[in-house]
Amino acid sequence: MAAQKTILHIEDNFENRILVRRLLQSVPYQVLEAENAFEAINYLRKTKPDLILMDINMPDVDGYTLTSKLKTVPGIKQIPIIAITANAMRGDREKSIRAGCDGYIEKPIDIDTFLDQIDHFLQISGQRNQPHA
């Protein structure tokens, strides 16, 4: 049996954290939660999740800025970061990718497809981190 995957969800909205936690724990994934950039960095000093779900619109430090910073840190920069955002205007996906996000999920979250999206991002991550023959 494969080891349980750990996902760090960085989100300032309590209701959004509850929804994502319930969905992810149904698989089950281990879910870590941070309300802001400060909490996220503290988690990342102690543990290396398999995936980071990044809210873009947060107070203090937004998700674009935090993603850009994390993508420069050895030991963290290889962790896939997926933007989860209500920013769904033309160019928002591209802005997330330019900031360093490896993927993009629009809010409101589609509960029928969310877990498939997460599985997809984790599979891509696993392939990327496999040694090449």
Foldseek 3Di string as FASTA:
>chain_A
DDDAFEEEEAAQDPVVVVVVCVLCCVVPHHYHYHNDLVRVVVVQVPDAGQAYEAEQDHPPAGRLRSLLVQCVDPPRVLRAYEYEYQPPDPCPQVSSVVSPHPYYAYPPGDSVCVVVVVVVVSVVSVVVPDDDD
